Amino acid sequence: MYWTAIVFLLNHISCETFEEEKYGVKFASECEVCKVFTMEFTARLKESSAKHEVVETGYSHMKEKKKTKYVNSELRLIETLEGICDRVLEYNIHKERGDSTRFAKGQSETFRTLEGLIDKGVKVDIGIPQELWNKPSAEITQLKTQCESLMENFEDDIEDWYFHQQDSDFAKFLCKDRALKNKDSNCLSEATKKKKKKKSKKGETEKRDEL
């Protein structure tokens, strides 16, 4: 059963991917970093878009405080950016994918398959303790650091988009036109391919029911 699991695993993942530099790591490219950051930023903005509170600012006792809608306020921007790179730690490496979608939330297909084998009583050993399978990998912890650097280096551009350019696409504005200017930005258009469910023909369904 042990060797069966190993053979299954090697068939499930290409040797090039599975043994990448002998279990080495492949850190995120600049494009991947910017893509993940913009995805998280826009997701957090969307989460707070329904708030209709009014924010009052100003410290003078002589003048009336300035009132601003929360959705357009500096407070919303601050809250959106606060801890945004910590959310990267919720990601996992999906090594079965060959493009930027390898960085995604949720358990990878590889480890889900391995855990399924273990549940069936198959002995699996890939050189990594099972309790560490779902812990942030080196690529993910590095991605968090890269995210923080991006946010610091392009703080002014992020503010410019938020206060003046929200009608434009944020990923294009920050990544393609600024952070990745004259660099490879192809990963921005990569999306996870959804598996299409095959529809069973009526005759095939009836045959299965008869068995």
Protein backbone atom coordinates (compact mmCIF):
# COMPACT_ATOMS: atom_id res chain seq x y z
CA MET A 1 0.00 0.00 0.00
CA TYR A 2 2.91 2.35 0.75
CA TRP A 3 4.34 2.09 -2.76
CA THR A 4 0.88 2.38 -4.25
CA ALA A 5 0.52 5.79 -2.60
CA ILE A 6 3.89 6.97 -3.90
CA VAL A 7 3.12 5.84 -7.45
CA PHE A 8 -0.29 7.53 -7.28
CA LEU A 9 1.26 10.75 -6.05
CA LEU A 10 3.92 10.83 -8.76
CA ASN A 11 1.24 10.25 -11.39
CA HIS A 12 -0.94 12.97 -9.88
CA ILE A 13 1.75 15.63 -9.93
CA SER A 14 4.33 16.10 -12.63
CA CYS A 15 7.87 15.22 -11.54
CA GLU A 16 9.03 18.68 -12.50
CA THR A 17 6.50 20.32 -10.18
CA PHE A 18 6.73 17.86 -7.31
CA GLU A 19 10.53 17.73 -7.22
CA GLU A 20 11.07 21.39 -8.01
CA GLU A 21 14.74 21.80 -7.15
CA LYS A 22 14.43 18.79 -4.83
CA TYR A 23 11.51 20.09 -2.79
CA GLY A 24 12.79 23.66 -3.07
CA VAL A 25 10.57 26.71 -3.09
CA LYS A 26 9.51 29.10 -5.80
CA PHE A 27 8.80 32.52 -4.36
CA ALA A 28 6.13 34.77 -5.82
CA SER A 29 7.04 36.96 -8.77
CA GLU A 30 6.40 40.70 -8.67
CA CYS A 31 3.30 40.12 -10.77
CA GLU A 32 1.95 37.46 -8.41
CA VAL A 33 2.57 39.68 -5.38
CA CYS A 34 0.75 42.63 -6.92
CA LYS A 35 -2.11 40.42 -8.09
CA VAL A 36 -2.68 38.94 -4.63
CA PHE A 37 -2.48 42.38 -2.99
CA THR A 38 -5.00 43.97 -5.37
CA MET A 39 -7.36 41.01 -4.96
CA GLU A 40 -7.31 41.36 -1.17
CA PHE A 41 -7.58 45.16 -1.31
CA THR A 42 -10.62 45.17 -3.59
CA ALA A 43 -12.22 42.36 -1.57
CA ARG A 44 -11.92 44.37 1.64
CA LEU A 45 -13.29 47.48 -0.03
CA LYS A 46 -16.27 45.48 -1.20
CA GLU A 47 -16.86 44.19 2.33
CA SER A 48 -17.24 47.76 3.62
CA SER A 49 -19.08 49.23 0.62
CA ALA A 50 -22.49 48.80 2.25
CA LYS A 51 -21.70 51.01 5.23
CA HIS A 52 -23.52 54.33 5.16
CA GLU A 53 -22.06 55.95 8.24
CA VAL A 54 -20.90 59.55 8.25
CA VAL A 55 -17.43 60.26 9.59
CA GLU A 56 -16.73 63.55 11.37
CA THR A 57 -13.22 64.98 11.29
CA GLY A 58 -11.62 68.15 12.66
CA TYR A 59 -10.36 69.28 16.03
CA SER A 60 -11.28 72.96 16.19
CA HIS A 61 -13.86 74.04 18.78
CA MET A 62 -14.52 77.15 16.71
CA LYS A 63 -15.48 75.38 13.50
CA GLU A 64 -18.00 72.69 12.76
CA LYS A 65 -16.44 69.29 12.16
CA LYS A 66 -16.17 68.19 8.56
CA LYS A 67 -18.58 65.40 7.66
CA THR A 68 -17.61 62.75 5.12
CA LYS A 69 -19.36 59.62 3.98
CA TYR A 70 -17.53 56.56 5.28
CA VAL A 71 -17.23 55.00 1.79
CA ASN A 72 -15.18 58.03 0.66
CA SER A 73 -13.30 58.58 3.89
CA GLU A 74 -9.66 58.22 4.82
CA LEU A 75 -10.82 56.03 7.72
CA ARG A 76 -12.11 53.42 5.28
CA LEU A 77 -8.79 53.37 3.45
CA ILE A 78 -6.86 52.97 6.71
CA GLU A 79 -9.11 50.13 7.85
CA THR A 80 -8.82 48.44 4.46
CA LEU A 81 -5.03 48.50 4.51
CA GLU A 82 -4.70 47.55 8.17
CA GLY A 83 -3.60 43.93 8.40
CA ILE A 84 -4.25 43.32 4.72
CA CYS A 85 -0.99 41.43 4.23
CA ASP A 86 -1.83 39.19 7.22
CA ARG A 87 -4.66 37.83 5.07
CA VAL A 88 -2.03 36.39 2.77
CA LEU A 89 -1.32 33.79 5.47
CA GLU A 90 -4.74 32.31 4.65
CA TYR A 91 -3.38 31.29 1.25
CA ASN A 92 -1.81 27.97 0.33
CA ILE A 93 0.48 26.82 -2.44
CA HIS A 94 -1.36 24.73 -5.02
CA LYS A 95 1.61 23.11 -6.69
CA GLU A 96 -0.57 21.18 -9.09
CA ARG A 97 -1.16 24.50 -10.89
CA GLY A 98 1.47 25.97 -13.17
CA ASP A 99 0.51 29.65 -13.14
CA SER A 100 -0.21 32.44 -10.65
CA THR A 101 -3.34 30.64 -9.41
CA ARG A 102 -0.97 28.42 -7.42
CA PHE A 103 -1.41 31.11 -4.75
CA ALA A 104 -4.98 30.62 -3.55
CA LYS A 105 -7.04 30.11 -0.43
CA GLY A 106 -8.24 26.67 0.47
CA GLN A 107 -6.42 23.36 0.69
CA SER A 108 -4.50 22.32 -2.39
CA GLU A 109 -5.76 19.42 -4.48
CA THR A 110 -2.49 17.60 -3.77
CA PHE A 111 -2.84 17.56 0.02
CA ARG A 112 -6.58 16.90 -0.19
CA THR A 113 -5.79 13.81 -2.25
CA LEU A 114 -3.09 12.68 0.18
CA GLU A 115 -5.37 13.09 3.18
CA GLY A 116 -7.97 11.05 1.35
CA LEU A 117 -5.43 8.26 0.93
CA ILE A 118 -4.54 8.40 4.63
CA ASP A 119 -8.23 8.16 5.55
CA LYS A 120 -8.33 4.96 3.50
CA GLY A 121 -5.45 3.53 5.50
CA VAL A 122 -2.69 4.15 2.97
CA LYS A 123 0.71 5.03 4.42
CA VAL A 124 1.96 8.29 2.90
CA ASP A 125 5.39 9.83 3.41
CA ILE A 126 6.44 12.89 1.42
CA GLY A 127 9.09 14.09 3.82
CA ILE A 128 6.83 16.62 5.53
CA PRO A 129 4.98 15.88 8.80
CA GLN A 130 1.23 15.80 8.23
CA GLU A 131 0.61 18.41 10.92
CA LEU A 132 2.58 20.89 8.80
CA TRP A 133 0.72 20.28 5.57
CA ASN A 134 -1.72 23.13 6.11
CA LYS A 135 0.72 25.52 7.80
CA PRO A 136 1.95 28.56 5.80
CA SER A 137 4.79 27.46 3.56
CA ALA A 138 8.01 29.37 2.91
CA GLU A 139 6.44 30.81 -0.25
CA ILE A 140 3.44 32.10 1.70
CA THR A 141 5.41 33.70 4.54
CA GLN A 142 7.66 35.34 1.95
CA LEU A 143 4.60 36.50 0.02
CA LYS A 144 3.41 38.30 3.15
CA THR A 145 6.75 40.13 3.38
CA GLN A 146 6.61 40.98 -0.33
CA CYS A 147 3.06 42.26 0.13
CA GLU A 148 4.18 44.60 2.91
CA SER A 149 7.03 45.95 0.75
CA LEU A 150 4.66 46.60 -2.15
CA MET A 151 2.22 48.45 0.08
CA GLU A 152 5.01 50.61 1.49
CA ASN A 153 6.62 51.38 -1.87
CA PHE A 154 3.36 52.30 -3.60
CA GLU A 155 1.49 53.93 -0.74
CA ASP A 156 1.04 57.22 -2.62
CA ASP A 157 -0.31 55.45 -5.69
CA ILE A 158 -2.78 53.46 -3.60
CA GLU A 159 -4.05 56.67 -2.02
CA ASP A 160 -4.24 58.37 -5.42
CA TRP A 161 -6.42 55.58 -6.78
CA TYR A 162 -8.64 55.49 -3.71
CA PHE A 163 -9.34 59.23 -3.60
CA HIS A 164 -9.28 60.09 -7.31
CA GLN A 165 -9.30 57.03 -9.61
CA GLN A 166 -11.81 54.53 -8.24
CA ASP A 167 -13.60 54.42 -11.58
CA SER A 168 -10.52 52.71 -13.06
CA ASP A 169 -9.46 49.08 -12.63
CA PHE A 170 -7.26 48.87 -9.53
CA ALA A 171 -5.08 45.98 -10.75
CA LYS A 172 -4.32 47.78 -14.00
CA PHE A 173 -3.76 51.09 -12.23
CA LEU A 174 -1.39 49.79 -9.55
CA CYS A 175 0.19 46.72 -11.14
CA LYS A 176 0.28 47.04 -14.90
CA ASP A 177 0.73 50.82 -15.07
CA ARG A 178 3.00 51.31 -12.05
CA ALA A 179 4.48 48.43 -10.04
CA LEU A 180 5.00 46.29 -13.15
CA LYS A 181 5.55 49.02 -15.70
CA ASN A 182 7.70 47.58 -18.54
CA LYS A 183 7.67 44.21 -16.75
CA ASP A 184 5.75 40.98 -17.26
CA SER A 185 2.14 41.46 -16.15
CA ASN A 186 0.55 38.45 -17.86
CA CYS A 187 -0.35 36.81 -14.55
CA LEU A 188 -3.01 39.47 -13.96
CA SER A 189 -5.26 37.86 -16.56
CA GLU A 190 -4.85 34.31 -15.27
CA ALA A 191 -7.92 32.88 -13.59
CA THR A 192 -8.63 29.55 -11.95
CA LYS A 193 -10.27 27.24 -14.44
CA LYS A 194 -13.45 25.71 -13.12
CA LYS A 195 -13.99 22.05 -13.84
CA LYS A 196 -16.99 21.42 -16.02
CA LYS A 197 -19.31 18.70 -14.79
CA LYS A 198 -20.12 16.15 -17.42
CA LYS A 199 -23.81 15.65 -17.94
CA SER A 200 -24.85 12.03 -17.97
CA LYS A 201 -26.97 10.84 -20.82
CA LYS A 202 -30.36 9.47 -19.92
CA GLY A 203 -29.46 6.00 -21.18
CA GLU A 204 -26.23 5.93 -19.17
CA THR A 205 -28.09 6.92 -16.01
CA GLU A 206 -30.63 4.15 -16.50
CA LYS A 207 -27.87 1.57 -17.00
CA ARG A 208 -26.16 2.62 -13.76
CA ASP A 209 -29.48 2.37 -11.92
CA GLU A 210 -29.96 -1.17 -13.21
CA LEU A 211 -26.55 -2.31 -11.91
